[in-house]
Amino acid sequence: TVLYQDGGSLGKTDKIENYFGFAEPLSGAELLAR
């Protein structure tokens, strides 16, 4: 069981381009949803 209030700092991040496996940048909210 995961108990969470929100996505924290990741959910507020506009663009991520230094995480392995994504050729194009994606938002923190999108990565969180995945």
Full PDB file with SEQRES, HELIX, SHEET, SSBOND, CRYST1, ORIGX, SCALE, CONECT and MASTER records, all heavy atoms in Angstrom:
SEQRES   1 A   34  THR VAL LEU TYR GLN ASP GLY GLY SER LEU GLY LYS THR          
SEQRES   2 A   34  ASP LYS ILE GLU ASN TYR PHE GLY PHE ALA GLU PRO LEU          
SEQRES   3 A   34  SER GLY ALA GLU LEU LEU ALA ARG                              
HELIX    1 AA1 GLY A    8  GLY A   11  1                                   4    
HELIX    2 AA2 GLY A   28  ALA A   33  1                                   6    
CRYST1    1.000    1.000    1.000  90.00  90.00  90.00 P 1           1          
ORIGX1      1.000000  0.000000  0.000000        0.00000                         
ORIGX2      0.000000  1.000000  0.000000        0.00000                         
ORIGX3      0.000000  0.000000  1.000000        0.00000                         
SCALE1      1.000000  0.000000  0.000000        0.00000                         
SCALE2      0.000000  1.000000  0.000000        0.00000                         
SCALE3      0.000000  0.000000  1.000000        0.00000                         
ATOM      1  N   THR A   1       0.854  -1.185   0.000  1.00  0.00           N  
ATOM      2  CA  THR A   1       0.000   0.000   0.000  1.00  0.00           C  
ATOM      3  C   THR A   1       0.888   1.232   0.000  1.00  0.00           C  
ATOM      4  O   THR A   1       1.792   1.360   0.834  1.00  0.00           O  
ATOM      5  CB  THR A   1      -0.917   0.037   1.235  1.00  0.00           C  
ATOM      6  OG1 THR A   1      -1.724  -1.148   1.262  1.00  0.00           O  
ATOM      7  CG2 THR A   1      -1.823   1.266   1.197  1.00  0.00           C  
ATOM      8  N   VAL A   2       0.636   2.128  -0.938  1.00  0.00           N  
ATOM      9  CA  VAL A   2       1.357   3.398  -1.019  1.00  0.00           C  
ATOM     10  C   VAL A   2       0.417   4.498  -0.554  1.00  0.00           C  
ATOM     11  O   VAL A   2      -0.659   4.698  -1.129  1.00  0.00           O  
ATOM     12  CB  VAL A   2       1.841   3.696  -2.448  1.00  0.00           C  
ATOM     13  CG1 VAL A   2       2.582   5.038  -2.494  1.00  0.00           C  
ATOM     14  CG2 VAL A   2       2.737   2.575  -2.960  1.00  0.00           C  
ATOM     15  N   LEU A   3       0.802   5.200   0.488  1.00  0.00           N  
ATOM     16  CA  LEU A   3       0.021   6.324   0.999  1.00  0.00           C  
ATOM     17  C   LEU A   3       0.743   7.606   0.619  1.00  0.00           C  
ATOM     18  O   LEU A   3       1.898   7.799   0.988  1.00  0.00           O  
ATOM     19  CB  LEU A   3      -0.122   6.220   2.516  1.00  0.00           C  
ATOM     20  CG  LEU A   3      -0.714   4.902   3.046  1.00  0.00           C  
ATOM     21  CD1 LEU A   3      -0.691   4.890   4.571  1.00  0.00           C  
ATOM     22  CD2 LEU A   3      -2.134   4.696   2.527  1.00  0.00           C  
ATOM     23  N   TYR A   4       0.078   8.472  -0.112  1.00  0.00           N  
ATOM     24  CA  TYR A   4       0.749   9.678  -0.582  1.00  0.00           C  
ATOM     25  C   TYR A   4      -0.232  10.843  -0.590  1.00  0.00           C  
ATOM     26  O   TYR A   4      -1.446  10.665  -0.733  1.00  0.00           O  
ATOM     27  CB  TYR A   4       1.319   9.457  -1.978  1.00  0.00           C  
ATOM     28  CG  TYR A   4       0.264   9.367  -3.067  1.00  0.00           C  
ATOM     29  CD1 TYR A   4       0.019  10.452  -3.910  1.00  0.00           C  
ATOM     30  CD2 TYR A   4      -0.496   8.211  -3.238  1.00  0.00           C  
ATOM     31  CE1 TYR A   4      -0.943  10.378  -4.894  1.00  0.00           C  
ATOM     32  CE2 TYR A   4      -1.468   8.129  -4.219  1.00  0.00           C  
ATOM     33  CZ  TYR A   4      -1.700   9.215  -5.045  1.00  0.00           C  
ATOM     34  OH  TYR A   4      -2.674   9.144  -6.008  1.00  0.00           O  
ATOM     35  N   GLN A   5       0.307  12.036  -0.424  1.00  0.00           N  
ATOM     36  CA  GLN A   5      -0.526  13.228  -0.439  1.00  0.00           C  
ATOM     37  C   GLN A   5      -0.529  13.893  -1.804  1.00  0.00           C  
ATOM     38  O   GLN A   5      -1.545  14.371  -2.279  1.00  0.00           O  
ATOM     39  CB  GLN A   5      -0.072  14.215   0.636  1.00  0.00           C  
ATOM     40  CG  GLN A   5      -1.076  15.326   0.884  1.00  0.00           C  
ATOM     41  CD  GLN A   5      -0.790  16.067   2.172  1.00  0.00           C  
ATOM     42  OE1 GLN A   5       0.319  16.011   2.693  1.00  0.00           O  
ATOM     43  NE2 GLN A   5      -1.780  16.756   2.704  1.00  0.00           N  
ATOM     44  N   ASP A   6       0.636  13.924  -2.435  1.00  0.00           N  
ATOM     45  CA  ASP A   6       0.743  14.483  -3.778  1.00  0.00           C  
ATOM     46  C   ASP A   6       2.015  13.941  -4.416  1.00  0.00           C  
ATOM     47  O   ASP A   6       2.659  13.048  -3.861  1.00  0.00           O  
ATOM     48  CB  ASP A   6       0.750  16.021  -3.757  1.00  0.00           C  
ATOM     49  CG  ASP A   6       1.815  16.602  -2.822  1.00  0.00           C  
ATOM     50  OD1 ASP A   6       2.913  16.013  -2.732  1.00  0.00           O  
ATOM     51  OD2 ASP A   6       1.544  17.631  -2.185  1.00  0.00           O  
ATOM     52  N   GLY A   7       2.371  14.493  -5.545  1.00  0.00           N  
ATOM     53  CA  GLY A   7       3.554  14.012  -6.250  1.00  0.00           C  
ATOM     54  C   GLY A   7       4.845  14.644  -5.804  1.00  0.00           C  
ATOM     55  O   GLY A   7       5.906  14.384  -6.402  1.00  0.00           O  
ATOM     56  N   GLY A   8       4.776  15.474  -4.746  1.00  0.00           N  
ATOM     57  CA  GLY A   8       5.988  16.094  -4.242  1.00  0.00           C  
ATOM     58  C   GLY A   8       6.652  16.971  -5.285  1.00  0.00           C  
ATOM     59  O   GLY A   8       6.013  17.526  -6.183  1.00  0.00           O  
ATOM     60  N   SER A   9       7.961  17.096  -5.183  1.00  0.00           N  
ATOM     61  CA  SER A   9       8.696  17.978  -6.098  1.00  0.00           C  
ATOM     62  C   SER A   9       8.659  17.460  -7.540  1.00  0.00           C  
ATOM     63  O   SER A   9       8.671  18.250  -8.485  1.00  0.00           O  
ATOM     64  CB  SER A   9      10.144  18.133  -5.639  1.00  0.00           C  
ATOM     65  OG  SER A   9      10.783  16.874  -5.562  1.00  0.00           O  
ATOM     66  N   LEU A  10       8.569  16.141  -7.727  1.00  0.00           N  
ATOM     67  CA  LEU A  10       8.522  15.595  -9.083  1.00  0.00           C  
ATOM     68  C   LEU A  10       7.266  16.065  -9.806  1.00  0.00           C  
ATOM     69  O   LEU A  10       7.311  16.442 -10.980  1.00  0.00           O  
ATOM     70  CB  LEU A  10       8.564  14.067  -9.043  1.00  0.00           C  
ATOM     71  CG  LEU A  10       8.468  13.366 -10.408  1.00  0.00           C  
ATOM     72  CD1 LEU A  10       9.643  13.756 -11.298  1.00  0.00           C  
ATOM     73  CD2 LEU A  10       8.406  11.857 -10.245  1.00  0.00           C  
ATOM     74  N   GLY A  11       6.126  16.047  -9.105  1.00  0.00           N  
ATOM     75  CA  GLY A  11       4.876  16.456  -9.732  1.00  0.00           C  
ATOM     76  C   GLY A  11       4.860  17.913 -10.148  1.00  0.00           C  
ATOM     77  O   GLY A  11       4.044  18.321 -10.980  1.00  0.00           O  
ATOM     78  N   LYS A  12       5.761  18.722  -9.588  1.00  0.00           N  
ATOM     79  CA  LYS A  12       5.816  20.153  -9.904  1.00  0.00           C  
ATOM     80  C   LYS A  12       6.901  20.483 -10.929  1.00  0.00           C  
ATOM     81  O   LYS A  12       7.060  21.646 -11.317  1.00  0.00           O  
ATOM     82  CB  LYS A  12       6.068  20.961  -8.625  1.00  0.00           C  
ATOM     83  CG  LYS A  12       5.005  20.771  -7.555  1.00  0.00           C  
ATOM     84  CD  LYS A  12       5.351  21.577  -6.320  1.00  0.00           C  
ATOM     85  CE  LYS A  12       4.304  21.419  -5.221  1.00  0.00           C  
ATOM     86  NZ  LYS A  12       4.327  20.079  -4.628  1.00  0.00           N  
ATOM     87  N   THR A  13       7.650  19.472 -11.366  1.00  0.00           N  
ATOM     88  CA  THR A  13       8.756  19.708 -12.291  1.00  0.00           C  
ATOM     89  C   THR A  13       8.255  19.834 -13.721  1.00  0.00           C  
ATOM     90  O   THR A  13       7.525  18.966 -14.215  1.00  0.00           O  
ATOM     91  CB  THR A  13       9.777  18.556 -12.202  1.00  0.00           C  
ATOM     92  OG1 THR A  13      10.235  18.436 -10.855  1.00  0.00           O  
ATOM     93  CG2 THR A  13      10.955  18.806 -13.124  1.00  0.00           C  
ATOM     94  N   ASP A  14       8.652  20.914 -14.390  1.00  0.00           N  
ATOM     95  CA  ASP A  14       8.149  21.183 -15.735  1.00  0.00           C  
ATOM     96  C   ASP A  14       8.759  20.258 -16.777  1.00  0.00           C  
ATOM     97  O   ASP A  14       8.073  19.763 -17.668  1.00  0.00           O  
ATOM     98  CB  ASP A  14       8.429  22.646 -16.091  1.00  0.00           C  
ATOM     99  CG  ASP A  14       7.969  22.981 -17.501  1.00  0.00           C  
ATOM    100  OD1 ASP A  14       6.770  22.814 -17.776  1.00  0.00           O  
ATOM    101  OD2 ASP A  14       8.810  23.407 -18.323  1.00  0.00           O  
ATOM    102  N   LYS A  15      10.060  20.016 -16.684  1.00  0.00           N  
ATOM    103  CA  LYS A  15      10.734  19.248 -17.737  1.00  0.00           C  
ATOM    104  C   LYS A  15      11.866  18.417 -17.143  1.00  0.00           C  
ATOM    105  O   LYS A  15      12.675  18.909 -16.363  1.00  0.00           O  
ATOM    106  CB  LYS A  15      11.298  20.191 -18.795  1.00  0.00           C  
ATOM    107  CG  LYS A  15      11.935  19.505 -19.975  1.00  0.00           C  
ATOM    108  CD  LYS A  15      12.582  20.505 -20.908  1.00  0.00           C  
ATOM    109  CE  LYS A  15      11.581  21.447 -21.529  1.00  0.00           C  
ATOM    110  NZ  LYS A  15      12.228  22.357 -22.513  1.00  0.00           N  
ATOM    111  N   ILE A  16      11.923  17.138 -17.532  1.00  0.00           N  
ATOM    112  CA  ILE A  16      13.006  16.233 -17.124  1.00  0.00           C  
ATOM    113  C   ILE A  16      13.670  15.689 -18.383  1.00  0.00           C  
ATOM    114  O   ILE A  16      12.997  15.096 -19.229  1.00  0.00           O  
ATOM    115  CB  ILE A  16      12.473  15.071 -16.273  1.00  0.00           C  
ATOM    116  CG1 ILE A  16      11.857  15.601 -14.977  1.00  0.00           C  
ATOM    117  CG2 ILE A  16      13.582  14.067 -15.959  1.00  0.00           C  
ATOM    118  CD1 ILE A  16      11.171  14.534 -14.160  1.00  0.00           C  
ATOM    119  N   GLU A  17      14.972  15.893 -18.502  1.00  0.00           N  
ATOM    120  CA  GLU A  17      15.664  15.367 -19.680  1.00  0.00           C  
ATOM    121  C   GLU A  17      16.951  14.635 -19.309  1.00  0.00           C  
ATOM    122  O   GLU A  17      17.741  14.293 -20.177  1.00  0.00           O  
ATOM    123  CB  GLU A  17      15.963  16.489 -20.676  1.00  0.00           C  
ATOM    124  CG  GLU A  17      16.837  17.599 -20.145  1.00  0.00           C  
ATOM    125  CD  GLU A  17      17.086  18.689 -21.183  1.00  0.00           C  
ATOM    126  OE1 GLU A  17      16.485  18.605 -22.278  1.00  0.00           O  
ATOM    127  OE2 GLU A  17      17.870  19.597 -20.885  1.00  0.00           O  
ATOM    128  N   ASN A  18      17.177  14.415 -17.989  1.00  0.00           N  
ATOM    129  CA  ASN A  18      18.400  13.721 -17.564  1.00  0.00           C  
ATOM    130  C   ASN A  18      18.105  12.379 -16.912  1.00  0.00           C  
ATOM    131  O   ASN A  18      18.937  11.847 -16.179  1.00  0.00           O  
ATOM    132  CB  ASN A  18      19.221  14.601 -16.618  1.00  0.00           C  
ATOM    133  CG  ASN A  18      18.465  14.958 -15.342  1.00  0.00           C  
ATOM    134  OD1 ASN A  18      17.264  14.713 -15.241  1.00  0.00           O  
ATOM    135  ND2 ASN A  18      19.161  15.537 -14.378  1.00  0.00           N  
ATOM    136  N   TYR A  19      16.911  11.808 -17.178  1.00  0.00           N  
ATOM    137  CA  TYR A  19      16.589  10.494 -16.637  1.00  0.00           C  
ATOM    138  C   TYR A  19      16.680   9.460 -17.748  1.00  0.00           C  
ATOM    139  O   TYR A  19      16.174   9.671 -18.861  1.00  0.00           O  
ATOM    140  CB  TYR A  19      15.190  10.502 -16.002  1.00  0.00           C  
ATOM    141  CG  TYR A  19      14.857   9.205 -15.296  1.00  0.00           C  
ATOM    142  CD1 TYR A  19      15.615   8.790 -14.201  1.00  0.00           C  
ATOM    143  CD2 TYR A  19      13.825   8.396 -15.733  1.00  0.00           C  
ATOM    144  CE1 TYR A  19      15.329   7.599 -13.561  1.00  0.00           C  
ATOM    145  CE2 TYR A  19      13.524   7.204 -15.091  1.00  0.00           C  
ATOM    146  CZ  TYR A  19      14.282   6.811 -14.006  1.00  0.00           C  
ATOM    147  OH  TYR A  19      14.004   5.625 -13.373  1.00  0.00           O  
ATOM    148  N   PHE A  20      17.290   8.349 -17.446  1.00  0.00           N  
ATOM    149  CA  PHE A  20      17.590   7.323 -18.451  1.00  0.00           C  
ATOM    150  C   PHE A  20      16.326   6.821 -19.161  1.00  0.00           C  
ATOM    151  O   PHE A  20      15.290   6.582 -18.532  1.00  0.00           O  
ATOM    152  CB  PHE A  20      18.299   6.149 -17.776  1.00  0.00           C  
ATOM    153  CG  PHE A  20      18.567   4.988 -18.685  1.00  0.00           C  
ATOM    154  CD1 PHE A  20      19.671   4.992 -19.526  1.00  0.00           C  
ATOM    155  CD2 PHE A  20      17.707   3.906 -18.728  1.00  0.00           C  
ATOM    156  CE1 PHE A  20      19.917   3.923 -20.371  1.00  0.00           C  
ATOM    157  CE2 PHE A  20      17.943   2.835 -19.569  1.00  0.00           C  
ATOM    158  CZ  PHE A  20      19.053   2.848 -20.399  1.00  0.00           C  
ATOM    159  N   GLY A  21      16.418   6.639 -20.474  1.00  0.00           N  
ATOM    160  CA  GLY A  21      15.401   5.918 -21.219  1.00  0.00           C  
ATOM    161  C   GLY A  21      14.420   6.759 -22.007  1.00  0.00           C  
ATOM    162  O   GLY A  21      13.556   6.198 -22.700  1.00  0.00           O  
ATOM    163  N   PHE A  22      14.513   8.093 -21.937  1.00  0.00           N  
ATOM    164  CA  PHE A  22      13.575   8.942 -22.658  1.00  0.00           C  
ATOM    165  C   PHE A  22      14.341   9.824 -23.635  1.00  0.00           C  
ATOM    166  O   PHE A  22      15.133  10.676 -23.228  1.00  0.00           O  
ATOM    167  CB  PHE A  22      12.755   9.797 -21.682  1.00  0.00           C  
ATOM    168  CG  PHE A  22      11.861   8.986 -20.799  1.00  0.00           C  
ATOM    169  CD1 PHE A  22      12.293   8.585 -19.535  1.00  0.00           C  
ATOM    170  CD2 PHE A  22      10.598   8.598 -21.222  1.00  0.00           C  
ATOM    171  CE1 PHE A  22      11.482   7.823 -18.712  1.00  0.00           C  
ATOM    172  CE2 PHE A  22       9.773   7.838 -20.407  1.00  0.00           C  
ATOM    173  CZ  PHE A  22      10.209   7.448 -19.152  1.00  0.00           C  
ATOM    174  N   ALA A  23      14.085   9.628 -24.927  1.00  0.00           N  
ATOM    175  CA  ALA A  23      14.804  10.381 -25.951  1.00  0.00           C  
ATOM    176  C   ALA A  23      14.435  11.858 -25.904  1.00  0.00           C  
ATOM    177  O   ALA A  23      15.266  12.723 -26.184  1.00  0.00           O  
ATOM    178  CB  ALA A  23      14.505   9.813 -27.332  1.00  0.00           C  
ATOM    179  N   GLU A  24      13.203  12.150 -25.538  1.00  0.00           N  
ATOM    180  CA  GLU A  24      12.724  13.525 -25.465  1.00  0.00           C  
ATOM    181  C   GLU A  24      12.360  13.865 -24.021  1.00  0.00           C  
ATOM    182  O   GLU A  24      11.960  12.987 -23.248  1.00  0.00           O  
ATOM    183  CB  GLU A  24      11.510  13.722 -26.374  1.00  0.00           C  
ATOM    184  CG  GLU A  24      11.779  13.480 -27.844  1.00  0.00           C  
ATOM    185  CD  GLU A  24      12.765  14.476 -28.420  1.00  0.00           C  
ATOM    186  OE1 GLU A  24      12.792  15.627 -27.947  1.00  0.00           O  
ATOM    187  OE2 GLU A  24      13.515  14.098 -29.345  1.00  0.00           O  
ATOM    188  N   PRO A  25      12.473  15.131 -23.641  1.00  0.00           N  
ATOM    189  CA  PRO A  25      12.093  15.526 -22.285  1.00  0.00           C  
ATOM    190  C   PRO A  25      10.620  15.230 -22.013  1.00  0.00           C  
ATOM    191  O   PRO A  25       9.795  15.212 -22.935  1.00  0.00           O  
ATOM    192  CB  PRO A  25      12.356  17.038 -22.277  1.00  0.00           C  
ATOM    193  CG  PRO A  25      13.300  17.282 -23.399  1.00  0.00           C  
ATOM    194  CD  PRO A  25      12.977  16.256 -24.444  1.00  0.00           C  
ATOM    195  N   LEU A  26      10.302  15.004 -20.747  1.00  0.00           N  
ATOM    196  CA  LEU A  26       8.914  14.831 -20.343  1.00  0.00           C  
ATOM    197  C   LEU A  26       8.709  15.545 -19.012  1.00  0.00           C  
ATOM    198  O   LEU A  26       9.675  15.836 -18.297  1.00  0.00           O  
ATOM    199  CB  LEU A  26       8.533  13.358 -20.234  1.00  0.00           C  
ATOM    200  CG  LEU A  26       9.007  12.530 -19.030  1.00  0.00           C  
ATOM    201  CD1 LEU A  26       8.234  11.223 -18.971  1.00  0.00           C  
ATOM    202  CD2 LEU A  26      10.487  12.258 -19.085  1.00  0.00           C  
ATOM    203  N   SER A  27       7.480  15.849 -18.715  1.00  0.00           N  
ATOM    204  CA  SER A  27       7.198  16.561 -17.473  1.00  0.00           C  
ATOM    205  C   SER A  27       7.257  15.612 -16.289  1.00  0.00           C  
ATOM    206  O   SER A  27       7.089  14.382 -16.430  1.00  0.00           O  
ATOM    207  CB  SER A  27       5.807  17.202 -17.538  1.00  0.00           C  
ATOM    208  OG  SER A  27       4.798  16.215 -17.499  1.00  0.00           O  
ATOM    209  N   GLY A  28       7.472  16.186 -15.096  1.00  0.00           N  
ATOM    210  CA  GLY A  28       7.459  15.371 -13.891  1.00  0.00           C  
ATOM    211  C   GLY A  28       6.110  14.714 -13.672  1.00  0.00           C  
ATOM    212  O   GLY A  28       6.038  13.565 -13.231  1.00  0.00           O  
ATOM    213  N   ALA A  29       5.032  15.427 -13.984  1.00  0.00           N  
ATOM    214  CA  ALA A  29       3.690  14.872 -13.808  1.00  0.00           C  
ATOM    215  C   ALA A  29       3.483  13.644 -14.693  1.00  0.00           C  
ATOM    216  O   ALA A  29       2.862  12.658 -14.281  1.00  0.00           O  
ATOM    217  CB  ALA A  29       2.640  15.936 -14.123  1.00  0.00           C  
ATOM    218  N   GLU A  30       4.018  13.691 -15.911  1.00  0.00           N  
ATOM    219  CA  GLU A  30       3.874  12.546 -16.816  1.00  0.00           C  
ATOM    220  C   GLU A  30       4.682  11.350 -16.312  1.00  0.00           C  
ATOM    221  O   GLU A  30       4.197  10.206 -16.330  1.00  0.00           O  
ATOM    222  CB  GLU A  30       4.338  12.924 -18.229  1.00  0.00           C  
ATOM    223  CG  GLU A  30       4.142  11.798 -19.248  1.00  0.00           C  
ATOM    224  CD  GLU A  30       4.602  12.176 -20.644  1.00  0.00           C  
ATOM    225  OE1 GLU A  30       5.032  13.334 -20.840  1.00  0.00           O  
ATOM    226  OE2 GLU A  30       4.535  11.312 -21.538  1.00  0.00           O  
ATOM    227  N   LEU A  31       5.906  11.583 -15.873  1.00  0.00           N  
ATOM    228  CA  LEU A  31       6.722  10.492 -15.340  1.00  0.00           C  
ATOM    229  C   LEU A  31       6.067   9.895 -14.104  1.00  0.00           C  
ATOM    230  O   LEU A  31       6.054   8.671 -13.922  1.00  0.00           O  
ATOM    231  CB  LEU A  31       8.123  11.010 -15.003  1.00  0.00           C  
ATOM    232  CG  LEU A  31       9.127   9.967 -14.500  1.00  0.00           C  
ATOM    233  CD1 LEU A  31       9.347   8.870 -15.528  1.00  0.00           C  
ATOM    234  CD2 LEU A  31      10.455  10.641 -14.153  1.00  0.00           C  
ATOM    235  N   LEU A  32       5.506  10.754 -13.266  1.00  0.00           N  
ATOM    236  CA  LEU A  32       4.811  10.292 -12.071  1.00  0.00           C  
ATOM    237  C   LEU A  32       3.612   9.433 -12.437  1.00  0.00           C  
ATOM    238  O   LEU A  32       3.388   8.360 -11.848  1.00  0.00           O  
ATOM    239  CB  LEU A  32       4.368  11.500 -11.245  1.00  0.00           C  
ATOM    240  CG  LEU A  32       3.793  11.233  -9.856  1.00  0.00           C  
ATOM    241  CD1 LEU A  32       4.886  10.705  -8.933  1.00  0.00           C  
ATOM    242  CD2 LEU A  32       3.205  12.516  -9.287  1.00  0.00           C  
ATOM    243  N   ALA A  33       2.822   9.861 -13.410  1.00  0.00           N  
ATOM    244  CA  ALA A  33       1.635   9.106 -13.828  1.00  0.00           C  
ATOM    245  C   ALA A  33       2.029   7.729 -14.364  1.00  0.00           C  
ATOM    246  O   ALA A  33       1.345   6.724 -14.103  1.00  0.00           O  
ATOM    247  CB  ALA A  33       0.869   9.890 -14.884  1.00  0.00           C  
ATOM    248  N   ARG A  34       3.135   7.664 -15.101  1.00  0.00           N  
ATOM    249  CA  ARG A  34       3.597   6.374 -15.627  1.00  0.00           C  
ATOM    250  C   ARG A  34       4.021   5.449 -14.486  1.00  0.00           C  
ATOM    251  O   ARG A  34       3.733   4.252 -14.493  1.00  0.00           O  
ATOM    252  CB  ARG A  34       4.764   6.588 -16.586  1.00  0.00           C  
ATOM    253  CG  ARG A  34       4.389   7.307 -17.858  1.00  0.00           C  
ATOM    254  CD  ARG A  34       5.546   7.330 -18.851  1.00  0.00           C  
ATOM    255  NE  ARG A  34       5.227   8.102 -20.042  1.00  0.00           N  
ATOM    256  CZ  ARG A  34       5.961   8.079 -21.153  1.00  0.00           C  
ATOM    257  NH1 ARG A  34       7.045   7.325 -21.218  1.00  0.00           N  
ATOM    258  NH2 ARG A  34       5.609   8.814 -22.191  1.00  0.00           N  
TER     259      ARG A  34                                                      
MASTER        0    0    0    2    0    0    0    6  258    1    0    3          
END                                                                             
